[in-house]
């Protein structure tokens, strides 16, 4: 088994050598399946992402006598995961730093997330605003129409709505806004 662990050094990405060695050592010690994602160098010298699985066969003396394994190329999936993370990060930055106040609101009116422009518009720090809910910062005279329009969306009577309404700034001042 020690030679099979060392063999991987020739084609494993340097950052993946230790996790693969540790995983194999754990497999030989515990007999639990070995399954790890790692980068493997191809004959052209490029690294591809693979799932490496291995299973040892033990003899009656509890000694590993053979190891079966497989490598499956998962580079496409890893590339998609990376692209998705990058896209999510770009969206997060655009969302948080948009000059327009934006919020994600749960069906019950609680905040899922708010951006900095909305916080500035209403005079709250982000952490403070998230602890409130939409009804607590909506002018009482505007709650009924807001509630009805949200219910109409939930009931799929309308796909979206736009309404001019009043919010209550942290200082108590009225802030007029168009909610889309």
N, C-alpha and C. Protein backbone atom coordinates (compact mmCIF):
# COMPACT_ATOMS: atom_id res chain seq x y z
N UNK A 1 0.80 -1.20 0.00
CA UNK A 1 0.00 0.00 0.00
C UNK A 1 0.85 1.26 0.00
N UNK A 2 2.00 1.27 0.68
CA UNK A 2 2.81 2.48 0.73
C UNK A 2 3.27 2.87 -0.67
N UNK A 3 3.66 1.89 -1.50
CA UNK A 3 4.09 2.22 -2.85
C UNK A 3 2.96 2.80 -3.68
N UNK A 4 1.74 2.32 -3.50
CA UNK A 4 0.63 2.85 -4.28
C UNK A 4 0.33 4.29 -3.87
N UNK A 5 0.57 4.65 -2.61
CA UNK A 5 0.37 6.03 -2.18
C UNK A 5 1.42 6.92 -2.83
N UNK A 6 2.67 6.51 -2.81
CA UNK A 6 3.74 7.31 -3.40
C UNK A 6 3.56 7.46 -4.91
N UNK A 7 3.01 6.47 -5.56
CA UNK A 7 2.82 6.50 -7.01
C UNK A 7 2.01 7.71 -7.43
N UNK A 8 1.06 8.11 -6.63
CA UNK A 8 0.18 9.23 -6.99
C UNK A 8 0.93 10.55 -7.08
N UNK A 9 2.05 10.70 -6.38
CA UNK A 9 2.80 11.94 -6.42
C UNK A 9 3.20 12.34 -7.84
N UNK A 10 3.39 11.36 -8.71
CA UNK A 10 3.85 11.65 -10.07
C UNK A 10 2.81 12.39 -10.89
N UNK A 11 1.54 12.18 -10.63
CA UNK A 11 0.54 12.80 -11.49
C UNK A 11 -0.49 13.66 -10.76
N UNK A 12 -0.41 13.74 -9.45
CA UNK A 12 -1.35 14.56 -8.70
C UNK A 12 -0.89 16.02 -8.64
N UNK A 13 -1.84 16.92 -8.64
CA UNK A 13 -1.54 18.34 -8.44
C UNK A 13 -0.89 18.47 -7.06
N UNK A 14 0.12 19.31 -6.93
CA UNK A 14 0.82 19.43 -5.63
C UNK A 14 -0.12 19.73 -4.45
N UNK A 15 -1.17 20.54 -4.67
CA UNK A 15 -2.09 20.86 -3.57
C UNK A 15 -2.97 19.68 -3.17
N UNK A 16 -3.08 18.68 -4.03
CA UNK A 16 -3.95 17.55 -3.76
C UNK A 16 -3.21 16.32 -3.24
N UNK A 17 -1.89 16.37 -3.25
CA UNK A 17 -1.10 15.19 -2.84
C UNK A 17 -1.38 14.79 -1.40
N UNK A 18 -1.34 15.73 -0.49
CA UNK A 18 -1.53 15.39 0.92
C UNK A 18 -2.94 14.90 1.21
N UNK A 19 -3.99 15.57 0.70
CA UNK A 19 -5.34 15.05 0.96
C UNK A 19 -5.54 13.64 0.39
N UNK A 20 -4.96 13.35 -0.78
CA UNK A 20 -5.10 12.01 -1.36
C UNK A 20 -4.34 11.00 -0.51
N UNK A 21 -3.13 11.34 -0.12
CA UNK A 21 -2.35 10.43 0.74
C UNK A 21 -3.07 10.16 2.06
N UNK A 22 -3.58 11.22 2.66
CA UNK A 22 -4.30 11.06 3.94
C UNK A 22 -5.55 10.20 3.75
N UNK A 23 -6.27 10.45 2.66
CA UNK A 23 -7.48 9.68 2.39
C UNK A 23 -7.18 8.21 2.17
N UNK A 24 -6.13 7.93 1.43
CA UNK A 24 -5.75 6.53 1.20
C UNK A 24 -5.29 5.87 2.50
N UNK A 25 -4.49 6.60 3.28
CA UNK A 25 -4.04 6.04 4.56
C UNK A 25 -5.23 5.73 5.46
N UNK A 26 -6.22 6.61 5.46
CA UNK A 26 -7.43 6.39 6.26
C UNK A 26 -8.18 5.16 5.74
N UNK A 27 -8.22 5.01 4.41
CA UNK A 27 -8.89 3.85 3.82
C UNK A 27 -8.21 2.55 4.27
N UNK A 28 -6.89 2.52 4.22
CA UNK A 28 -6.17 1.31 4.62
C UNK A 28 -6.31 1.03 6.11
N UNK A 29 -6.48 2.08 6.90
CA UNK A 29 -6.62 1.91 8.35
C UNK A 29 -8.03 1.52 8.74
N UNK A 30 -9.04 2.16 8.13
CA UNK A 30 -10.43 1.96 8.56
C UNK A 30 -11.24 1.04 7.65
N UNK A 31 -10.74 0.80 6.44
CA UNK A 31 -11.42 0.02 5.42
C UNK A 31 -12.70 0.69 4.92
N UNK A 32 -12.83 1.98 5.20
CA UNK A 32 -13.97 2.72 4.67
C UNK A 32 -13.63 3.15 3.25
N UNK A 33 -14.63 3.27 2.37
CA UNK A 33 -14.35 3.61 0.97
C UNK A 33 -13.55 4.90 0.81
N UNK A 34 -12.69 4.91 -0.17
CA UNK A 34 -11.90 6.08 -0.52
C UNK A 34 -12.59 6.76 -1.70
N UNK A 35 -12.88 8.04 -1.56
CA UNK A 35 -13.60 8.80 -2.59
C UNK A 35 -13.20 10.26 -2.43
N UNK A 36 -12.48 10.81 -3.41
CA UNK A 36 -11.99 12.18 -3.28
C UNK A 36 -11.94 12.85 -4.65
N UNK A 37 -12.16 14.15 -4.66
CA UNK A 37 -11.98 14.93 -5.88
C UNK A 37 -10.56 15.49 -5.85
N UNK A 38 -9.88 15.36 -6.97
CA UNK A 38 -8.50 15.83 -7.04
C UNK A 38 -8.15 16.18 -8.48
N UNK A 39 -7.04 16.89 -8.63
CA UNK A 39 -6.57 17.24 -9.97
C UNK A 39 -5.47 16.28 -10.37
N UNK A 40 -5.57 15.79 -11.61
CA UNK A 40 -4.64 14.79 -12.13
C UNK A 40 -4.01 15.36 -13.40
N UNK A 41 -2.70 15.20 -13.51
CA UNK A 41 -2.00 15.69 -14.70
C UNK A 41 -2.14 14.69 -15.83
N UNK A 42 -2.51 15.20 -17.01
CA UNK A 42 -2.64 14.34 -18.18
C UNK A 42 -1.28 14.17 -18.84
N UNK A 43 -1.20 13.32 -19.84
CA UNK A 43 0.09 13.11 -20.53
C UNK A 43 0.55 14.38 -21.25
N UNK A 44 -0.39 15.32 -21.54
CA UNK A 44 -0.04 16.59 -22.15
C UNK A 44 0.45 17.62 -21.14
N UNK A 45 0.41 17.26 -19.85
CA UNK A 45 0.89 18.15 -18.81
C UNK A 45 -0.16 19.07 -18.21
N UNK A 46 -1.41 18.95 -18.66
CA UNK A 46 -2.49 19.76 -18.12
C UNK A 46 -3.18 19.01 -16.98
N UNK A 47 -3.73 19.76 -16.04
CA UNK A 47 -4.46 19.14 -14.94
C UNK A 47 -5.95 19.11 -15.26
N UNK A 48 -6.58 17.99 -14.95
CA UNK A 48 -8.03 17.85 -15.06
C UNK A 48 -8.54 17.45 -13.69
N UNK A 49 -9.79 17.80 -13.42
CA UNK A 49 -10.42 17.40 -12.17
C UNK A 49 -11.00 16.00 -12.33
N UNK A 50 -10.79 15.16 -11.33
CA UNK A 50 -11.30 13.80 -11.35
C UNK A 50 -11.88 13.45 -9.99
N UNK A 51 -12.77 12.47 -10.01
CA UNK A 51 -13.18 11.80 -8.79
C UNK A 51 -12.37 10.52 -8.76
N UNK A 52 -11.62 10.35 -7.69
CA UNK A 52 -10.82 9.14 -7.53
C UNK A 52 -11.47 8.28 -6.46
N UNK A 53 -11.75 7.04 -6.83
CA UNK A 53 -12.34 6.09 -5.88
C UNK A 53 -11.43 4.87 -5.82
N UNK A 54 -11.31 4.33 -4.62
CA UNK A 54 -10.49 3.14 -4.46
C UNK A 54 -11.06 2.25 -3.36
N UNK A 55 -10.77 0.98 -3.52
CA UNK A 55 -11.21 0.00 -2.53
C UNK A 55 -10.16 -1.12 -2.49
N UNK A 56 -9.64 -1.34 -1.30
CA UNK A 56 -8.63 -2.39 -1.15
C UNK A 56 -9.29 -3.73 -0.83
N UNK A 57 -8.61 -4.79 -1.22
CA UNK A 57 -9.02 -6.15 -0.87
C UNK A 57 -8.01 -6.66 0.16
N UNK A 58 -8.54 -7.16 1.28
CA UNK A 58 -7.68 -7.62 2.36
C UNK A 58 -7.67 -9.14 2.42
N UNK A 59 -6.51 -9.68 2.83
CA UNK A 59 -6.41 -11.13 2.99
C UNK A 59 -6.82 -11.51 4.41
N UNK A 60 -6.67 -12.81 4.71
CA UNK A 60 -7.09 -13.31 6.02
C UNK A 60 -6.25 -12.73 7.16
N UNK A 61 -5.07 -12.20 6.86
CA UNK A 61 -4.23 -11.56 7.87
C UNK A 61 -4.50 -10.06 7.99
N UNK A 62 -5.59 -9.63 7.37
CA UNK A 62 -6.00 -8.22 7.40
C UNK A 62 -4.97 -7.30 6.75
N UNK A 63 -4.38 -7.81 5.70
CA UNK A 63 -3.38 -7.04 4.95
C UNK A 63 -3.93 -6.76 3.55
N UNK A 64 -3.78 -5.52 3.11
CA UNK A 64 -4.26 -5.17 1.76
C UNK A 64 -3.40 -5.88 0.73
N UNK A 65 -4.05 -6.63 -0.14
CA UNK A 65 -3.32 -7.38 -1.17
C UNK A 65 -3.60 -6.86 -2.57
N UNK A 66 -4.65 -6.10 -2.73
CA UNK A 66 -4.99 -5.56 -4.05
C UNK A 66 -5.85 -4.31 -3.83
N UNK A 67 -5.69 -3.36 -4.75
CA UNK A 67 -6.51 -2.14 -4.69
C UNK A 67 -7.17 -1.96 -6.05
N UNK A 68 -8.48 -1.78 -6.01
CA UNK A 68 -9.24 -1.46 -7.22
C UNK A 68 -9.58 0.03 -7.15
N UNK A 69 -9.49 0.68 -8.27
CA UNK A 69 -9.79 2.10 -8.25
C UNK A 69 -10.26 2.61 -9.59
N UNK A 70 -10.75 3.82 -9.56
CA UNK A 70 -11.20 4.46 -10.80
C UNK A 70 -10.97 5.96 -10.70
N UNK A 71 -10.81 6.55 -11.87
CA UNK A 71 -10.75 8.00 -12.00
C UNK A 71 -11.82 8.40 -13.01
N UNK A 72 -12.64 9.36 -12.65
CA UNK A 72 -13.67 9.85 -13.56
C UNK A 72 -13.43 11.35 -13.74
N UNK A 73 -13.31 11.77 -14.98
CA UNK A 73 -13.07 13.17 -15.30
C UNK A 73 -14.34 13.98 -14.99
N UNK A 74 -14.19 14.94 -14.06
CA UNK A 74 -15.31 15.82 -13.70
C UNK A 74 -14.98 17.28 -13.99
N UNK A 75 -14.05 17.50 -14.91
CA UNK A 75 -13.61 18.87 -15.23
C UNK A 75 -14.76 19.75 -15.68
N UNK A 76 -15.66 19.22 -16.49
CA UNK A 76 -16.79 20.03 -16.96
C UNK A 76 -17.63 20.51 -15.78
N UNK A 77 -17.92 19.62 -14.86
CA UNK A 77 -18.72 19.99 -13.69
C UNK A 77 -17.99 21.03 -12.84
N UNK A 78 -16.69 20.84 -12.63
CA UNK A 78 -15.91 21.77 -11.83
C UNK A 78 -15.85 23.13 -12.50
N UNK A 79 -15.71 23.16 -13.83
CA UNK A 79 -15.70 24.42 -14.56
C UNK A 79 -17.04 25.13 -14.43
N UNK A 80 -18.14 24.37 -14.49
CA UNK A 80 -19.47 24.97 -14.32
C UNK A 80 -19.63 25.51 -12.90
N UNK A 81 -19.13 24.78 -11.90
CA UNK A 81 -19.22 25.24 -10.51
C UNK A 81 -18.45 26.54 -10.34
N UNK A 82 -17.26 26.61 -10.94
CA UNK A 82 -16.45 27.82 -10.85
C UNK A 82 -17.16 28.98 -11.53
N UNK A 83 -17.70 28.75 -12.72
CA UNK A 83 -18.42 29.80 -13.44
C UNK A 83 -19.63 30.27 -12.64
N UNK A 84 -20.34 29.33 -12.01
CA UNK A 84 -21.50 29.69 -11.20
C UNK A 84 -21.09 30.54 -10.00
N UNK A 85 -20.02 30.16 -9.31
CA UNK A 85 -19.54 30.94 -8.16
C UNK A 85 -19.16 32.35 -8.59
N UNK A 86 -18.47 32.46 -9.74
CA UNK A 86 -18.07 33.78 -10.23
C UNK A 86 -19.30 34.61 -10.59
N UNK A 87 -20.29 33.99 -11.20
CA UNK A 87 -21.52 34.69 -11.56
C UNK A 87 -22.27 35.14 -10.31
N UNK A 88 -22.35 34.27 -9.33
CA UNK A 88 -23.02 34.62 -8.07
C UNK A 88 -22.31 35.78 -7.38
N UNK A 89 -20.99 35.78 -7.43
CA UNK A 89 -20.22 36.86 -6.81
C UNK A 89 -20.46 38.19 -7.54
N UNK A 90 -20.49 38.15 -8.88
CA UNK A 90 -20.77 39.37 -9.64
C UNK A 90 -22.17 39.89 -9.31
N UNK A 91 -23.16 38.99 -9.23
CA UNK A 91 -24.51 39.39 -8.88
C UNK A 91 -24.55 39.99 -7.47
N UNK A 92 -23.89 39.33 -6.54
CA UNK A 92 -23.88 39.81 -5.15
C UNK A 92 -23.31 41.23 -5.06
N UNK A 93 -22.22 41.47 -5.76
CA UNK A 93 -21.60 42.80 -5.74
C UNK A 93 -22.53 43.82 -6.39
N UNK A 94 -23.12 43.47 -7.53
CA UNK A 94 -24.05 44.39 -8.21
C UNK A 94 -25.27 44.65 -7.33
N UNK A 95 -25.81 43.63 -6.71
CA UNK A 95 -26.98 43.75 -5.86
C UNK A 95 -26.68 44.67 -4.66
N UNK A 96 -25.62 44.36 -3.95
CA UNK A 96 -25.31 45.13 -2.75
C UNK A 96 -24.97 46.58 -3.05
N UNK A 97 -24.30 46.83 -4.17
CA UNK A 97 -23.80 48.17 -4.47
C UNK A 97 -24.64 48.93 -5.49
N UNK A 98 -25.79 48.40 -5.85
CA UNK A 98 -26.67 49.10 -6.79
C UNK A 98 -27.07 50.45 -6.19
N UNK A 99 -27.18 51.49 -7.02
CA UNK A 99 -27.63 52.78 -6.49
C UNK A 99 -29.13 52.81 -6.19
N UNK A 100 -29.85 51.78 -6.60
CA UNK A 100 -31.29 51.68 -6.36
C UNK A 100 -31.52 50.75 -5.16
N UNK A 101 -32.41 51.14 -4.29
CA UNK A 101 -32.73 50.29 -3.14
C UNK A 101 -33.36 48.99 -3.59
N UNK A 102 -32.80 47.87 -3.16
CA UNK A 102 -33.29 46.55 -3.55
C UNK A 102 -33.40 45.68 -2.30
N UNK A 103 -34.47 44.89 -2.27
CA UNK A 103 -34.65 43.96 -1.15
C UNK A 103 -35.23 42.66 -1.66
N UNK A 104 -34.92 41.60 -0.97
CA UNK A 104 -35.58 40.31 -1.18
C UNK A 104 -36.44 40.10 0.06
N UNK A 105 -37.72 39.89 -0.19
CA UNK A 105 -38.68 39.83 0.91
C UNK A 105 -39.38 38.47 0.92
N UNK A 106 -39.51 37.88 2.08
CA UNK A 106 -40.22 36.61 2.24
C UNK A 106 -41.73 36.87 2.12
N UNK A 107 -42.47 35.84 1.89
CA UNK A 107 -43.93 35.93 1.75
C UNK A 107 -44.56 36.56 3.00
N UNK A 108 -43.97 36.31 4.16
CA UNK A 108 -44.54 36.86 5.40
C UNK A 108 -44.13 38.31 5.65
N UNK A 109 -43.37 38.92 4.72
CA UNK A 109 -42.96 40.31 4.86
C UNK A 109 -41.61 40.51 5.52
N UNK A 110 -41.00 39.42 5.97
CA UNK A 110 -39.67 39.53 6.56
C UNK A 110 -38.61 39.72 5.48
N UNK A 111 -37.53 40.35 5.85
CA UNK A 111 -36.44 40.58 4.90
C UNK A 111 -35.62 39.31 4.73
N UNK A 112 -35.35 38.97 3.51
CA UNK A 112 -34.38 37.91 3.23
C UNK A 112 -33.01 38.57 3.08
N UNK A 113 -33.00 39.69 2.35
CA UNK A 113 -31.76 40.45 2.17
C UNK A 113 -32.11 41.86 1.73
N UNK A 114 -31.24 42.79 2.01
CA UNK A 114 -31.40 44.19 1.59
C UNK A 114 -30.05 44.70 1.11
N UNK A 115 -30.08 45.69 0.22
CA UNK A 115 -28.82 46.25 -0.22
C UNK A 115 -28.54 47.57 0.50
N UNK A 116 -27.34 48.11 0.25
CA UNK A 116 -26.90 49.31 0.97
C UNK A 116 -27.72 50.55 0.60
N UNK A 117 -28.14 50.66 -0.66
CA UNK A 117 -28.92 51.84 -1.07
C UNK A 117 -30.24 51.90 -0.31
N UNK A 118 -30.90 50.76 -0.13
CA UNK A 118 -32.15 50.75 0.63
C UNK A 118 -31.89 51.14 2.08
N UNK A 119 -30.84 50.63 2.64
CA UNK A 119 -30.49 50.97 4.02
C UNK A 119 -30.26 52.47 4.16
N UNK A 120 -29.49 53.03 3.22
CA UNK A 120 -29.22 54.48 3.26
C UNK A 120 -30.51 55.28 3.09
N UNK A 121 -31.38 54.84 2.19
CA UNK A 121 -32.63 55.53 1.94
C UNK A 121 -33.49 55.57 3.20
N UNK A 122 -33.44 54.51 3.99
CA UNK A 122 -34.30 54.41 5.17
C UNK A 122 -33.57 54.71 6.49
N UNK A 123 -32.25 54.98 6.41
CA UNK A 123 -31.50 55.39 7.59
C UNK A 123 -31.06 54.27 8.51
N UNK A 124 -31.07 53.05 8.03
CA UNK A 124 -30.70 51.90 8.86
C UNK A 124 -29.36 51.32 8.43
N UNK A 125 -28.70 50.68 9.36
CA UNK A 125 -27.58 49.80 9.01
C UNK A 125 -28.21 48.51 8.51
N UNK A 126 -27.49 47.80 7.69
CA UNK A 126 -28.02 46.57 7.08
C UNK A 126 -28.52 45.58 8.14
N UNK A 127 -27.72 45.38 9.17
CA UNK A 127 -28.08 44.42 10.23
C UNK A 127 -29.35 44.85 10.96
N UNK A 128 -29.54 46.17 11.12
CA UNK A 128 -30.74 46.69 11.79
C UNK A 128 -31.98 46.47 10.93
N UNK A 129 -31.87 46.81 9.65
CA UNK A 129 -33.04 46.71 8.78
C UNK A 129 -33.51 45.26 8.64
N UNK A 130 -32.57 44.34 8.54
CA UNK A 130 -32.94 42.92 8.39
C UNK A 130 -33.70 42.41 9.61
N UNK A 131 -33.48 43.02 10.77
CA UNK A 131 -34.19 42.59 11.98
C UNK A 131 -35.64 43.10 12.01
N UNK A 132 -35.97 44.04 11.13
CA UNK A 132 -37.35 44.53 11.06
C UNK A 132 -38.10 43.72 10.00
N UNK A 133 -39.27 44.21 9.62
CA UNK A 133 -39.97 43.61 8.49
C UNK A 133 -40.61 44.74 7.68
N UNK A 134 -41.13 44.41 6.53
CA UNK A 134 -41.67 45.41 5.62
C UNK A 134 -42.79 46.22 6.25
N UNK A 135 -43.65 45.57 7.00
CA UNK A 135 -44.79 46.31 7.58
C UNK A 135 -44.34 47.33 8.62
N UNK A 136 -43.23 47.08 9.31
CA UNK A 136 -42.80 48.01 10.35
C UNK A 136 -42.18 49.29 9.78
N UNK A 137 -41.81 49.28 8.50
CA UNK A 137 -41.26 50.49 7.90
C UNK A 137 -42.18 51.07 6.84
N UNK A 138 -43.35 50.47 6.65
CA UNK A 138 -44.34 50.97 5.70
C UNK A 138 -45.33 51.88 6.43
N UNK A 139 -45.64 52.99 5.81
CA UNK A 139 -46.62 53.92 6.40
C UNK A 139 -47.93 53.15 6.60
N UNK A 140 -48.58 53.30 7.75
CA UNK A 140 -49.81 52.55 8.05
C UNK A 140 -50.90 52.69 6.98
N UNK A 141 -51.00 53.86 6.37
CA UNK A 141 -52.04 54.06 5.34
C UNK A 141 -51.74 53.29 4.06
N UNK A 142 -50.52 52.82 3.88
CA UNK A 142 -50.13 52.10 2.66
C UNK A 142 -50.07 50.58 2.86
N UNK A 143 -50.26 50.13 4.08
CA UNK A 143 -50.15 48.69 4.35
C UNK A 143 -51.20 47.87 3.62
N UNK A 144 -52.43 48.36 3.58
CA UNK A 144 -53.53 47.60 2.98
C UNK A 144 -53.29 47.29 1.51
N UNK A 145 -52.94 48.31 0.72
CA UNK A 145 -52.74 48.09 -0.70
C UNK A 145 -51.52 47.19 -0.94
N UNK A 146 -50.48 47.40 -0.15
CA UNK A 146 -49.27 46.58 -0.28
C UNK A 146 -49.60 45.12 0.01
N UNK A 147 -50.32 44.88 1.08
CA UNK A 147 -50.69 43.52 1.48
C UNK A 147 -51.54 42.86 0.41
N UNK A 148 -52.50 43.63 -0.15
CA UNK A 148 -53.39 43.08 -1.17
C UNK A 148 -52.61 42.72 -2.44
N UNK A 149 -51.70 43.59 -2.85
CA UNK A 149 -50.93 43.32 -4.07
C UNK A 149 -50.02 42.10 -3.90
N UNK A 150 -49.43 41.97 -2.74
CA UNK A 150 -48.60 40.78 -2.48
C UNK A 150 -49.46 39.53 -2.52
N UNK A 151 -50.64 39.59 -1.92
CA UNK A 151 -51.53 38.42 -1.94
C UNK A 151 -51.96 38.09 -3.36
N UNK A 152 -52.24 39.11 -4.17
CA UNK A 152 -52.60 38.87 -5.57
C UNK A 152 -51.47 38.18 -6.33
N UNK A 153 -50.23 38.54 -6.01
CA UNK A 153 -49.09 37.85 -6.65
C UNK A 153 -49.01 36.40 -6.18
N UNK A 154 -49.17 36.19 -4.89
CA UNK A 154 -49.13 34.83 -4.34
C UNK A 154 -50.22 33.97 -4.98
N UNK A 155 -51.40 34.56 -5.14
CA UNK A 155 -52.53 33.84 -5.75
C UNK A 155 -52.43 33.77 -7.28
N UNK A 156 -51.35 34.31 -7.81
CA UNK A 156 -51.08 34.32 -9.26
C UNK A 156 -52.15 35.07 -10.05
N UNK A 157 -52.75 36.06 -9.42
CA UNK A 157 -53.70 36.92 -10.13
C UNK A 157 -52.96 37.98 -10.95
N UNK A 158 -51.78 38.35 -10.47
CA UNK A 158 -50.93 39.31 -11.18
C UNK A 158 -49.49 38.78 -11.16
N UNK A 159 -48.71 39.05 -12.22
CA UNK A 159 -47.33 38.56 -12.23
C UNK A 159 -46.37 39.44 -11.44
N UNK A 160 -46.71 40.73 -11.33
CA UNK A 160 -45.88 41.69 -10.61
C UNK A 160 -46.73 42.93 -10.36
N UNK A 161 -46.16 43.88 -9.66
CA UNK A 161 -46.89 45.12 -9.45
C UNK A 161 -45.92 46.26 -9.22
N UNK A 162 -46.44 47.45 -9.35
CA UNK A 162 -45.69 48.67 -9.07
C UNK A 162 -46.63 49.58 -8.30
N UNK A 163 -46.15 50.15 -7.23
CA UNK A 163 -46.99 51.03 -6.42
C UNK A 163 -46.13 52.14 -5.82
N UNK A 164 -46.70 53.33 -5.78
CA UNK A 164 -46.04 54.44 -5.09
C UNK A 164 -46.49 54.36 -3.64
N UNK A 165 -45.53 54.37 -2.75
CA UNK A 165 -45.89 54.20 -1.34
C UNK A 165 -44.93 54.96 -0.44
N UNK A 166 -45.30 55.01 0.81
CA UNK A 166 -44.50 55.72 1.81
C UNK A 166 -43.83 54.71 2.75
N UNK A 167 -42.56 54.99 2.99
CA UNK A 167 -41.81 54.25 3.99
C UNK A 167 -41.53 55.19 5.15
N UNK A 168 -41.24 54.59 6.29
CA UNK A 168 -40.91 55.39 7.46
C UNK A 168 -39.41 55.26 7.71
N UNK A 169 -38.71 56.38 7.59
CA UNK A 169 -37.26 56.45 7.83
C UNK A 169 -37.01 56.17 9.30
N UNK A 170 -35.84 55.71 9.64
CA UNK A 170 -35.49 55.43 11.03
C UNK A 170 -35.71 56.66 11.92
N UNK A 171 -35.53 57.84 11.35
CA UNK A 171 -35.72 59.09 12.10
C UNK A 171 -37.20 59.45 12.27
N UNK A 172 -38.08 58.71 11.58
CA UNK A 172 -39.51 58.98 11.66
C UNK A 172 -40.04 59.76 10.46
N UNK A 173 -39.15 60.28 9.62
CA UNK A 173 -39.58 61.02 8.43
C UNK A 173 -40.22 60.07 7.42
N UNK A 174 -41.06 60.65 6.56
CA UNK A 174 -41.71 59.88 5.50
C UNK A 174 -40.80 59.89 4.27
N UNK A 175 -40.63 58.72 3.66
CA UNK A 175 -39.84 58.59 2.43
C UNK A 175 -40.75 58.01 1.37
N UNK A 176 -40.99 58.78 0.31
CA UNK A 176 -41.80 58.30 -0.80
C UNK A 176 -40.93 57.48 -1.74
N UNK A 177 -41.48 56.38 -2.23
CA UNK A 177 -40.71 55.54 -3.16
C UNK A 177 -41.69 54.81 -4.09
N UNK A 178 -41.15 54.37 -5.18
CA UNK A 178 -41.92 53.51 -6.09
C UNK A 178 -41.42 52.10 -5.88
N UNK A 179 -42.33 51.24 -5.47
CA UNK A 179 -42.01 49.83 -5.23
C UNK A 179 -42.36 49.05 -6.49
N UNK A 180 -41.39 48.35 -7.02
CA UNK A 180 -41.61 47.54 -8.23
C UNK A 180 -41.39 46.10 -7.89
